[in-house]
Amino acid sequence: MKPKFGVFDVLLYLVLAGLAVTALYPFVYMLAVSLSGTVPVLKGQVYLWPKEINLRTYAVVFENAAIGRAYLNTILYTLLGTSISLLITAAGAYALSKQDMLLRRTFMILVIVTLFFSGGMIPTFLVVRSYHLIDTIWAMVLPGAVSTWNLLVMRTFFSALPQEVEESGKIDGLNDIGIFFRLVLPLSKAILATIGLFYGVAIWNNFFSALLYLRDADLFPLQVIVRNMVLQGNASASGAAGIGGDGMIVDESLKYATIIVTTVPILLVYPFLQKYFAKGALIGSVKG
């Protein structure tokens, strides 16, 4: 039996298609410009498809030492920060999910308050400086290690786990830490993958923390390099590579190529975690 489509279904598909095109077009346009030759880009002839295919722009991006160093920094911050955030968030959420935890309600109130109020940028900076984290990799991963919303979502997940899991662990002689690492975490792959991707994307795209806490250019993440290129309109990489004449690299092409190189890796992670999203998304409603 063929499914029937009503007027609402058609409108819904049209709206979703429009949103998809709106979201994809900037990415497609940047890809086309970054792969096009100098003359079509300068004349504004590139829209959807690249013209006069030219890979030299990407060669310049990968040959630039500053971009390569920033790329490695971003990967380090993302891997280290996501691991730390997941460990702290999961441990805190598991403790708060226990009904018999001492002062549980007090801690929950303190956690929820941070959803609406924060110390602010200057007090946070003073705290980071007082711990001597300025100009270190820890300044990029520790100040924002825990998201209150992610903590509450994981708490909801742990609260829904069968009580029999913990009882079986206690029968086998495990303490709370052993139950958490050996039983609870292996059963929590869906929520760990979902929250881990949230943390990973946030850290990968984070440039504001670098602007606040980093002074050494060797520690800058890739997003700071991209931001500087976009704001300054300065193709420093092409100048460093000594390109001129027929080999000239257009500023716009270089910016877009750098953005593409920045975006693609984090996009490639999603297909590997997609199978966990259907289950992980169902636990988005937070219970008291």
C-alpha atoms as a PDB file:
ATOM      1  CA  MET A   1       0.000   0.000   0.000  1.00  0.00           C
ATOM      2  CA  LYS A   2       1.470   3.320  -1.071  1.00  0.00           C
ATOM      3  CA  PRO A   3       1.731   6.033   1.584  1.00  0.00           C
ATOM      4  CA  LYS A   4      -0.596   8.985   1.112  1.00  0.00           C
ATOM      5  CA  PHE A   5       0.797  12.498   1.129  1.00  0.00           C
ATOM      6  CA  GLY A   6      -1.397  15.389   2.196  1.00  0.00           C
ATOM      7  CA  VAL A   7      -0.948  19.093   1.675  1.00  0.00           C
ATOM      8  CA  PHE A   8       0.755  19.398   5.054  1.00  0.00           C
ATOM      9  CA  ASP A   9       3.276  16.703   4.144  1.00  0.00           C
ATOM     10  CA  VAL A  10       4.149  18.452   0.883  1.00  0.00           C
ATOM     11  CA  LEU A  11       4.594  21.792   2.644  1.00  0.00           C
ATOM     12  CA  LEU A  12       6.700  20.138   5.312  1.00  0.00           C
ATOM     13  CA  TYR A  13       9.015  18.578   2.732  1.00  0.00           C
ATOM     14  CA  LEU A  14       9.291  21.885   0.882  1.00  0.00           C
ATOM     15  CA  VAL A  15      10.203  23.739   4.065  1.00  0.00           C
ATOM     16  CA  LEU A  16      12.775  21.100   5.027  1.00  0.00           C
ATOM     17  CA  ALA A  17      14.231  21.151   1.510  1.00  0.00           C
ATOM     18  CA  GLY A  18      14.489  24.938   1.661  1.00  0.00           C
ATOM     19  CA  LEU A  19      16.257  24.781   5.013  1.00  0.00           C
ATOM     20  CA  ALA A  20      18.639  22.126   3.693  1.00  0.00           C
ATOM     21  CA  VAL A  21      19.501  24.223   0.642  1.00  0.00           C
ATOM     22  CA  THR A  22      19.994  27.302   2.819  1.00  0.00           C
ATOM     23  CA  ALA A  23      22.366  25.395   5.094  1.00  0.00           C
ATOM     24  CA  LEU A  24      24.305  23.651   2.316  1.00  0.00           C
ATOM     25  CA  TYR A  25      24.707  26.463  -0.205  1.00  0.00           C
ATOM     26  CA  PRO A  26      27.355  28.468   1.720  1.00  0.00           C
ATOM     27  CA  PHE A  27      29.436  25.329   2.109  1.00  0.00           C
ATOM     28  CA  VAL A  28      29.042  24.393  -1.578  1.00  0.00           C
ATOM     29  CA  TYR A  29      29.886  27.950  -2.631  1.00  0.00           C
ATOM     30  CA  MET A  30      33.040  28.067  -0.509  1.00  0.00           C
ATOM     31  CA  LEU A  31      34.128  24.702  -1.889  1.00  0.00           C
ATOM     32  CA  ALA A  32      33.551  25.876  -5.462  1.00  0.00           C
ATOM     33  CA  VAL A  33      35.480  29.117  -4.963  1.00  0.00           C
ATOM     34  CA  SER A  34      38.374  27.389  -3.218  1.00  0.00           C
ATOM     35  CA  LEU A  35      38.736  24.943  -6.142  1.00  0.00           C
ATOM     36  CA  SER A  36      38.429  27.565  -8.879  1.00  0.00           C
ATOM     37  CA  GLY A  37      41.101  29.434 -10.774  1.00  0.00           C
ATOM     38  CA  THR A  38      42.081  33.019 -10.036  1.00  0.00           C
ATOM     39  CA  VAL A  39      40.384  34.715 -12.998  1.00  0.00           C
ATOM     40  CA  PRO A  40      36.841  33.258 -12.497  1.00  0.00           C
ATOM     41  CA  VAL A  41      36.984  34.118  -8.799  1.00  0.00           C
ATOM     42  CA  LEU A  42      38.064  37.712  -9.438  1.00  0.00           C
ATOM     43  CA  LYS A  43      35.328  38.124 -12.046  1.00  0.00           C
ATOM     44  CA  GLY A  44      32.673  36.686  -9.712  1.00  0.00           C
ATOM     45  CA  GLN A  45      31.777  33.856 -12.095  1.00  0.00           C
ATOM     46  CA  VAL A  46      31.741  31.054  -9.500  1.00  0.00           C
ATOM     47  CA  TYR A  47      28.414  30.065  -7.927  1.00  0.00           C
ATOM     48  CA  LEU A  48      27.847  26.328  -7.551  1.00  0.00           C
ATOM     49  CA  TRP A  49      30.537  24.611  -9.611  1.00  0.00           C
ATOM     50  CA  PRO A  50      34.265  25.349  -9.647  1.00  0.00           C
ATOM     51  CA  LYS A  51      35.727  26.814 -12.841  1.00  0.00           C
ATOM     52  CA  GLU A  52      39.266  26.195 -14.053  1.00  0.00           C
ATOM     53  CA  ILE A  53      40.021  23.667 -11.328  1.00  0.00           C
ATOM     54  CA  ASN A  54      42.972  24.785  -9.249  1.00  0.00           C
ATOM     55  CA  LEU A  55      44.275  22.885  -6.213  1.00  0.00           C
ATOM     56  CA  ARG A  56      47.102  25.306  -5.535  1.00  0.00           C
ATOM     57  CA  THR A  57      45.075  27.085  -2.857  1.00  0.00           C
ATOM     58  CA  TYR A  58      44.861  23.907  -0.784  1.00  0.00           C
ATOM     59  CA  ALA A  59      48.565  23.292  -1.319  1.00  0.00           C
ATOM     60  CA  VAL A  60      49.274  26.745   0.115  1.00  0.00           C
ATOM     61  CA  VAL A  61      47.049  25.996   3.126  1.00  0.00           C
ATOM     62  CA  PHE A  62      48.817  22.742   3.934  1.00  0.00           C
ATOM     63  CA  GLU A  63      52.279  24.175   3.276  1.00  0.00           C
ATOM     64  CA  ASN A  64      51.787  27.053   5.707  1.00  0.00           C
ATOM     65  CA  ALA A  65      53.555  26.302   9.000  1.00  0.00           C
ATOM     66  CA  ALA A  66      51.195  28.418  11.115  1.00  0.00           C
ATOM     67  CA  ILE A  67      48.106  26.626   9.811  1.00  0.00           C
ATOM     68  CA  GLY A  68      49.686  23.201  10.284  1.00  0.00           C
ATOM     69  CA  ARG A  69      50.702  24.005  13.845  1.00  0.00           C
ATOM     70  CA  ALA A  70      47.255  25.413  14.630  1.00  0.00           C
ATOM     71  CA  TYR A  71      45.681  22.279  13.156  1.00  0.00           C
ATOM     72  CA  LEU A  72      47.652  20.044  15.511  1.00  0.00           C
ATOM     73  CA  ASN A  73      46.782  22.306  18.437  1.00  0.00           C
ATOM     74  CA  THR A  74      43.077  22.075  17.627  1.00  0.00           C
ATOM     75  CA  ILE A  75      43.207  18.280  17.404  1.00  0.00           C
ATOM     76  CA  LEU A  76      45.023  18.129  20.754  1.00  0.00           C
ATOM     77  CA  TYR A  77      42.553  20.476  22.450  1.00  0.00           C
ATOM     78  CA  THR A  78      39.580  18.562  21.048  1.00  0.00           C
ATOM     79  CA  LEU A  79      40.786  15.094  22.041  1.00  0.00           C
ATOM     80  CA  LEU A  80      42.058  16.122  25.463  1.00  0.00           C
ATOM     81  CA  GLY A  81      39.159  18.447  26.242  1.00  0.00           C
ATOM     82  CA  THR A  82      36.471  15.982  25.156  1.00  0.00           C
ATOM     83  CA  SER A  83      38.019  13.191  27.236  1.00  0.00           C
ATOM     84  CA  ILE A  84      38.253  15.375  30.344  1.00  0.00           C
ATOM     85  CA  SER A  85      34.755  16.794  29.876  1.00  0.00           C
ATOM     86  CA  LEU A  86      33.184  13.377  29.393  1.00  0.00           C
ATOM     87  CA  LEU A  87      34.919  11.926  32.449  1.00  0.00           C
ATOM     88  CA  ILE A  88      33.980  14.799  34.772  1.00  0.00           C
ATOM     89  CA  THR A  89      30.436  15.135  33.407  1.00  0.00           C
ATOM     90  CA  ALA A  90      29.732  11.404  33.578  1.00  0.00           C
ATOM     91  CA  ALA A  91      31.114  11.110  37.118  1.00  0.00           C
ATOM     92  CA  GLY A  92      29.106  14.098  38.345  1.00  0.00           C
ATOM     93  CA  ALA A  93      25.944  12.983  36.594  1.00  0.00           C
ATOM     94  CA  TYR A  94      26.214   9.458  38.001  1.00  0.00           C
ATOM     95  CA  ALA A  95      26.630  10.774  41.548  1.00  0.00           C
ATOM     96  CA  LEU A  96      23.647  13.128  41.179  1.00  0.00           C
ATOM     97  CA  SER A  97      21.492  10.304  39.820  1.00  0.00           C
ATOM     98  CA  LYS A  98      21.689   8.467  43.159  1.00  0.00           C
ATOM     99  CA  GLN A  99      18.620   9.161  45.297  1.00  0.00           C
ATOM    100  CA  ASP A 100      20.491   8.345  48.515  1.00  0.00           C
ATOM    101  CA  MET A 101      23.362  10.770  47.863  1.00  0.00           C
ATOM    102  CA  LEU A 102      24.082  13.056  50.815  1.00  0.00           C
ATOM    103  CA  LEU A 103      22.947  16.672  50.138  1.00  0.00           C
ATOM    104  CA  ARG A 104      21.798  15.621  46.670  1.00  0.00           C
ATOM    105  CA  ARG A 105      19.063  18.250  46.456  1.00  0.00           C
ATOM    106  CA  THR A 106      21.450  21.001  47.563  1.00  0.00           C
ATOM    107  CA  PHE A 107      23.977  20.052  44.902  1.00  0.00           C
ATOM    108  CA  MET A 108      21.240  19.880  42.274  1.00  0.00           C
ATOM    109  CA  ILE A 109      20.113  23.419  43.137  1.00  0.00           C
ATOM    110  CA  LEU A 110      23.694  24.675  42.880  1.00  0.00           C
ATOM    111  CA  VAL A 111      24.090  22.996  39.479  1.00  0.00           C
ATOM    112  CA  ILE A 112      20.808  24.298  38.096  1.00  0.00           C
ATOM    113  CA  VAL A 113      21.578  27.858  39.237  1.00  0.00           C
ATOM    114  CA  THR A 114      24.530  27.902  36.836  1.00  0.00           C
ATOM    115  CA  LEU A 115      22.074  27.523  33.948  1.00  0.00           C
ATOM    116  CA  PHE A 116      20.826  31.040  34.616  1.00  0.00           C
ATOM    117  CA  PHE A 117      23.739  32.807  36.311  1.00  0.00           C
ATOM    118  CA  SER A 118      27.480  32.792  35.727  1.00  0.00           C
ATOM    119  CA  GLY A 119      30.461  34.576  37.193  1.00  0.00           C
ATOM    120  CA  GLY A 120      31.103  36.513  34.006  1.00  0.00           C
ATOM    121  CA  MET A 121      34.089  36.877  31.736  1.00  0.00           C
ATOM    122  CA  ILE A 122      36.353  38.972  33.996  1.00  0.00           C
ATOM    123  CA  PRO A 123      35.953  36.850  37.172  1.00  0.00           C
ATOM    124  CA  THR A 124      36.498  33.716  35.084  1.00  0.00           C
ATOM    125  CA  PHE A 125      39.653  35.209  33.604  1.00  0.00           C
ATOM    126  CA  LEU A 126      40.924  36.085  37.090  1.00  0.00           C
ATOM    127  CA  VAL A 127      40.304  32.526  38.253  1.00  0.00           C
ATOM    128  CA  VAL A 128      42.161  31.075  35.257  1.00  0.00           C
ATOM    129  CA  ARG A 129      45.054  33.475  35.848  1.00  0.00           C
ATOM    130  CA  SER A 130      45.199  32.686  39.563  1.00  0.00           C
ATOM    131  CA  TYR A 131      45.716  29.018  38.715  1.00  0.00           C
ATOM    132  CA  HIS A 132      48.551  29.974  36.331  1.00  0.00           C
ATOM    133  CA  LEU A 133      46.772  28.514  33.320  1.00  0.00           C
ATOM    134  CA  ILE A 134      47.354  31.499  31.035  1.00  0.00           C
ATOM    135  CA  ASP A 135      49.329  30.499  27.937  1.00  0.00           C
ATOM    136  CA  THR A 136      48.924  26.769  28.571  1.00  0.00           C
ATOM    137  CA  ILE A 137      46.883  24.082  26.848  1.00  0.00           C
ATOM    138  CA  TRP A 138      44.868  23.664  30.062  1.00  0.00           C
ATOM    139  CA  ALA A 139      43.345  27.103  29.581  1.00  0.00           C
ATOM    140  CA  MET A 140      41.616  25.699  26.488  1.00  0.00           C
ATOM    141  CA  VAL A 141      40.143  22.598  28.121  1.00  0.00           C
ATOM    142  CA  LEU A 142      39.559  23.165  31.856  1.00  0.00           C
ATOM    143  CA  PRO A 143      37.504  26.407  32.212  1.00  0.00           C
ATOM    144  CA  GLY A 144      34.648  24.997  30.128  1.00  0.00           C
ATOM    145  CA  ALA A 145      35.111  21.351  31.003  1.00  0.00           C
ATOM    146  CA  VAL A 146      31.526  20.866  32.216  1.00  0.00           C
ATOM    147  CA  SER A 147      28.309  21.943  30.536  1.00  0.00           C
ATOM    148  CA  THR A 148      25.411  22.102  32.976  1.00  0.00           C
ATOM    149  CA  TRP A 149      22.902  21.033  30.336  1.00  0.00           C
ATOM    150  CA  ASN A 150      25.004  18.019  29.321  1.00  0.00           C
ATOM    151  CA  LEU A 151      25.388  17.106  32.986  1.00  0.00           C
ATOM    152  CA  LEU A 152      21.626  17.133  33.522  1.00  0.00           C
ATOM    153  CA  VAL A 153      20.987  15.094  30.383  1.00  0.00           C
ATOM    154  CA  MET A 154      23.491  12.432  31.475  1.00  0.00           C
ATOM    155  CA  ARG A 155      21.978  12.419  34.949  1.00  0.00           C
ATOM    156  CA  THR A 156      18.605  11.616  33.410  1.00  0.00           C
ATOM    157  CA  PHE A 157      20.140   8.739  31.462  1.00  0.00           C
ATOM    158  CA  PHE A 158      21.848   7.247  34.511  1.00  0.00           C
ATOM    159  CA  SER A 159      18.640   7.580  36.535  1.00  0.00           C
ATOM    160  CA  ALA A 160      16.868   5.378  33.980  1.00  0.00           C
ATOM    161  CA  LEU A 161      19.404   2.538  34.178  1.00  0.00           C
ATOM    162  CA  PRO A 162      18.021  -0.651  35.791  1.00  0.00           C
ATOM    163  CA  GLN A 163      18.789  -0.890  39.496  1.00  0.00           C
ATOM    164  CA  GLU A 164      19.643  -4.561  38.966  1.00  0.00           C
ATOM    165  CA  VAL A 165      22.868  -3.537  37.203  1.00  0.00           C
ATOM    166  CA  GLU A 166      24.276  -1.963  40.347  1.00  0.00           C
ATOM    167  CA  GLU A 167      22.953  -4.733  42.565  1.00  0.00           C
ATOM    168  CA  SER A 168      24.736  -7.352  40.476  1.00  0.00           C
ATOM    169  CA  GLY A 169      27.949  -5.367  40.748  1.00  0.00           C
ATOM    170  CA  LYS A 170      27.662  -5.134  44.517  1.00  0.00           C
ATOM    171  CA  ILE A 171      27.080  -8.883  44.711  1.00  0.00           C
ATOM    172  CA  ASP A 172      30.334  -9.353  42.773  1.00  0.00           C
ATOM    173  CA  GLY A 173      32.142  -7.170  45.313  1.00  0.00           C
ATOM    174  CA  LEU A 174      32.444  -3.954  43.297  1.00  0.00           C
ATOM    175  CA  ASN A 175      32.387  -0.591  45.016  1.00  0.00           C
ATOM    176  CA  ASP A 176      30.724   2.500  43.526  1.00  0.00           C
ATOM    177  CA  ILE A 177      33.773   3.418  41.440  1.00  0.00           C
ATOM    178  CA  GLY A 178      34.055  -0.121  40.094  1.00  0.00           C
ATOM    179  CA  ILE A 179      30.348  -0.201  39.209  1.00  0.00           C
ATOM    180  CA  PHE A 180      30.676   3.142  37.438  1.00  0.00           C
ATOM    181  CA  PHE A 181      33.662   2.198  35.276  1.00  0.00           C
ATOM    182  CA  ARG A 182      33.010  -1.514  34.708  1.00  0.00           C
ATOM    183  CA  LEU A 183      29.214  -1.641  34.420  1.00  0.00           C
ATOM    184  CA  VAL A 184      27.623   1.792  33.954  1.00  0.00           C
ATOM    185  CA  LEU A 185      29.950   3.334  31.351  1.00  0.00           C
ATOM    186  CA  PRO A 186      29.919   0.275  29.017  1.00  0.00           C
ATOM    187  CA  LEU A 187      26.098   0.490  29.016  1.00  0.00           C
ATOM    188  CA  SER A 188      26.166   4.225  28.262  1.00  0.00           C
ATOM    189  CA  LYS A 189      27.747   4.302  24.793  1.00  0.00           C
ATOM    190  CA  ALA A 190      24.803   6.147  23.257  1.00  0.00           C
ATOM    191  CA  ILE A 191      24.834   9.046  25.696  1.00  0.00           C
ATOM    192  CA  LEU A 192      28.630   9.189  25.808  1.00  0.00           C
ATOM    193  CA  ALA A 193      28.832   9.390  22.002  1.00  0.00           C
ATOM    194  CA  THR A 194      26.107  12.040  21.820  1.00  0.00           C
ATOM    195  CA  ILE A 195      27.467  14.263  24.591  1.00  0.00           C
ATOM    196  CA  GLY A 196      31.024  13.634  23.409  1.00  0.00           C
ATOM    197  CA  LEU A 197      30.173  14.981  19.975  1.00  0.00           C
ATOM    198  CA  PHE A 198      28.592  18.068  21.553  1.00  0.00           C
ATOM    199  CA  TYR A 199      31.745  18.707  23.542  1.00  0.00           C
ATOM    200  CA  GLY A 200      34.020  17.932  20.610  1.00  0.00           C
ATOM    201  CA  VAL A 201      32.268  20.315  18.221  1.00  0.00           C
ATOM    202  CA  ALA A 202      32.230  23.085  20.833  1.00  0.00           C
ATOM    203  CA  ILE A 203      35.963  22.734  21.526  1.00  0.00           C
ATOM    204  CA  TRP A 204      36.816  22.420  17.817  1.00  0.00           C
ATOM    205  CA  ASN A 205      34.999  25.684  17.061  1.00  0.00           C
ATOM    206  CA  ASN A 206      36.214  27.502  20.171  1.00  0.00           C
ATOM    207  CA  PHE A 207      38.300  30.578  19.468  1.00  0.00           C
ATOM    208  CA  PHE A 208      37.087  32.945  22.202  1.00  0.00           C
ATOM    209  CA  SER A 209      38.957  31.107  24.955  1.00  0.00           C
ATOM    210  CA  ALA A 210      42.142  31.364  22.899  1.00  0.00           C
ATOM    211  CA  LEU A 211      41.665  35.113  22.535  1.00  0.00           C
ATOM    212  CA  LEU A 212      41.263  35.452  26.315  1.00  0.00           C
ATOM    213  CA  TYR A 213      43.841  33.052  27.658  1.00  0.00           C
ATOM    214  CA  LEU A 214      46.540  32.551  25.013  1.00  0.00           C
ATOM    215  CA  ARG A 215      49.318  34.970  24.130  1.00  0.00           C
ATOM    216  CA  ASP A 216      51.755  32.582  22.453  1.00  0.00           C
ATOM    217  CA  ALA A 217      50.917  32.233  18.735  1.00  0.00           C
ATOM    218  CA  ASP A 218      52.342  28.692  18.787  1.00  0.00           C
ATOM    219  CA  LEU A 219      49.391  27.653  20.982  1.00  0.00           C
ATOM    220  CA  PHE A 220      46.655  29.201  18.818  1.00  0.00           C
ATOM    221  CA  PRO A 221      43.955  26.812  17.564  1.00  0.00           C
ATOM    222  CA  LEU A 222      42.947  26.737  13.925  1.00  0.00           C
ATOM    223  CA  GLN A 223      39.828  28.813  14.501  1.00  0.00           C
ATOM    224  CA  VAL A 224      41.909  31.802  15.589  1.00  0.00           C
ATOM    225  CA  ILE A 225      43.926  31.617  12.374  1.00  0.00           C
ATOM    226  CA  VAL A 226      40.721  31.473  10.323  1.00  0.00           C
ATOM    227  CA  ARG A 227      39.216  34.360  12.294  1.00  0.00           C
ATOM    228  CA  ASN A 228      42.266  36.524  11.726  1.00  0.00           C
ATOM    229  CA  MET A 229      42.256  35.765   8.002  1.00  0.00           C
ATOM    230  CA  VAL A 230      38.574  36.579   7.645  1.00  0.00           C
ATOM    231  CA  LEU A 231      38.771  39.806   9.655  1.00  0.00           C
ATOM    232  CA  GLN A 232      42.006  41.085   8.231  1.00  0.00           C
ATOM    233  CA  GLY A 233      41.481  39.948   4.642  1.00  0.00           C
ATOM    234  CA  ASN A 234      45.160  39.128   4.591  1.00  0.00           C
ATOM    235  CA  ALA A 235      46.468  36.187   2.609  1.00  0.00           C
ATOM    236  CA  SER A 236      49.541  35.779   4.725  1.00  0.00           C
ATOM    237  CA  ALA A 237      49.990  32.180   3.652  1.00  0.00           C
ATOM    238  CA  SER A 238      50.381  33.085  -0.014  1.00  0.00           C
ATOM    239  CA  GLY A 239      52.914  35.727   0.880  1.00  0.00           C
ATOM    240  CA  ALA A 240      54.852  33.257   2.968  1.00  0.00           C
ATOM    241  CA  ALA A 241      54.825  30.824   0.078  1.00  0.00           C
ATOM    242  CA  GLY A 242      56.165  33.467  -2.278  1.00  0.00           C
ATOM    243  CA  ILE A 243      53.376  33.145  -4.825  1.00  0.00           C
ATOM    244  CA  GLY A 244      52.910  35.788  -7.444  1.00  0.00           C
ATOM    245  CA  GLY A 245      52.127  36.389 -11.108  1.00  0.00           C
ATOM    246  CA  ASP A 246      50.160  33.567 -12.686  1.00  0.00           C
ATOM    247  CA  GLY A 247      50.371  31.622  -9.431  1.00  0.00           C
ATOM    248  CA  MET A 248      48.638  34.317  -7.419  1.00  0.00           C
ATOM    249  CA  ILE A 249      46.256  33.105  -4.739  1.00  0.00           C
ATOM    250  CA  VAL A 250      43.118  35.181  -4.258  1.00  0.00           C
ATOM    251  CA  ASP A 251      42.416  36.165  -0.647  1.00  0.00           C
ATOM    252  CA  GLU A 252      38.837  34.909  -0.875  1.00  0.00           C
ATOM    253  CA  SER A 253      39.904  31.506  -2.211  1.00  0.00           C
ATOM    254  CA  LEU A 254      42.492  31.136   0.537  1.00  0.00           C
ATOM    255  CA  LYS A 255      39.976  32.001   3.253  1.00  0.00           C
ATOM    256  CA  TYR A 256      37.429  29.540   1.937  1.00  0.00           C
ATOM    257  CA  ALA A 257      39.991  26.778   1.503  1.00  0.00           C
ATOM    258  CA  THR A 258      41.109  27.237   5.096  1.00  0.00           C
ATOM    259  CA  ILE A 259      37.503  27.149   6.311  1.00  0.00           C
ATOM    260  CA  ILE A 260      36.843  23.959   4.337  1.00  0.00           C
ATOM    261  CA  VAL A 261      39.943  22.315   5.773  1.00  0.00           C
ATOM    262  CA  THR A 262      38.796  23.404   9.229  1.00  0.00           C
ATOM    263  CA  THR A 263      35.242  22.121   8.868  1.00  0.00           C
ATOM    264  CA  VAL A 264      35.603  18.797   7.052  1.00  0.00           C
ATOM    265  CA  PRO A 265      37.313  16.784   9.854  1.00  0.00           C
ATOM    266  CA  ILE A 266      34.584  17.453  12.405  1.00  0.00           C
ATOM    267  CA  LEU A 267      31.931  16.672   9.781  1.00  0.00           C
ATOM    268  CA  LEU A 268      33.553  13.309   9.065  1.00  0.00           C
ATOM    269  CA  VAL A 269      33.151  12.291  12.700  1.00  0.00           C
ATOM    270  CA  TYR A 270      29.356  12.502  12.591  1.00  0.00           C
ATOM    271  CA  PRO A 271      28.673   9.433  10.345  1.00  0.00           C
ATOM    272  CA  PHE A 272      30.523   7.215  12.821  1.00  0.00           C
ATOM    273  CA  LEU A 273      28.383   8.465  15.718  1.00  0.00           C
ATOM    274  CA  GLN A 274      25.092   8.754  13.854  1.00  0.00           C
ATOM    275  CA  LYS A 275      23.828   5.352  15.013  1.00  0.00           C
ATOM    276  CA  TYR A 276      23.959   6.565  18.611  1.00  0.00           C
ATOM    277  CA  PHE A 277      22.067   9.769  17.936  1.00  0.00           C
ATOM    278  CA  ALA A 278      18.609   8.231  17.516  1.00  0.00           C
ATOM    279  CA  LYS A 279      18.851   6.693  20.968  1.00  0.00           C
ATOM    280  CA  GLY A 280      20.779   9.572  22.518  1.00  0.00           C
ATOM    281  CA  ALA A 281      18.321  12.201  21.280  1.00  0.00           C
ATOM    282  CA  LEU A 282      15.441  10.450  23.056  1.00  0.00           C
ATOM    283  CA  ILE A 283      16.912  11.286  26.454  1.00  0.00           C
ATOM    284  CA  GLY A 284      16.931  15.047  25.837  1.00  0.00           C
ATOM    285  CA  SER A 285      14.007  15.705  28.199  1.00  0.00           C
ATOM    286  CA  VAL A 286      15.365  16.289  31.695  1.00  0.00           C
ATOM    287  CA  LYS A 287      13.489  14.914  34.668  1.00  0.00           C
ATOM    288  CA  GLY A 288      13.612  16.429  38.127  1.00  0.00           C
END
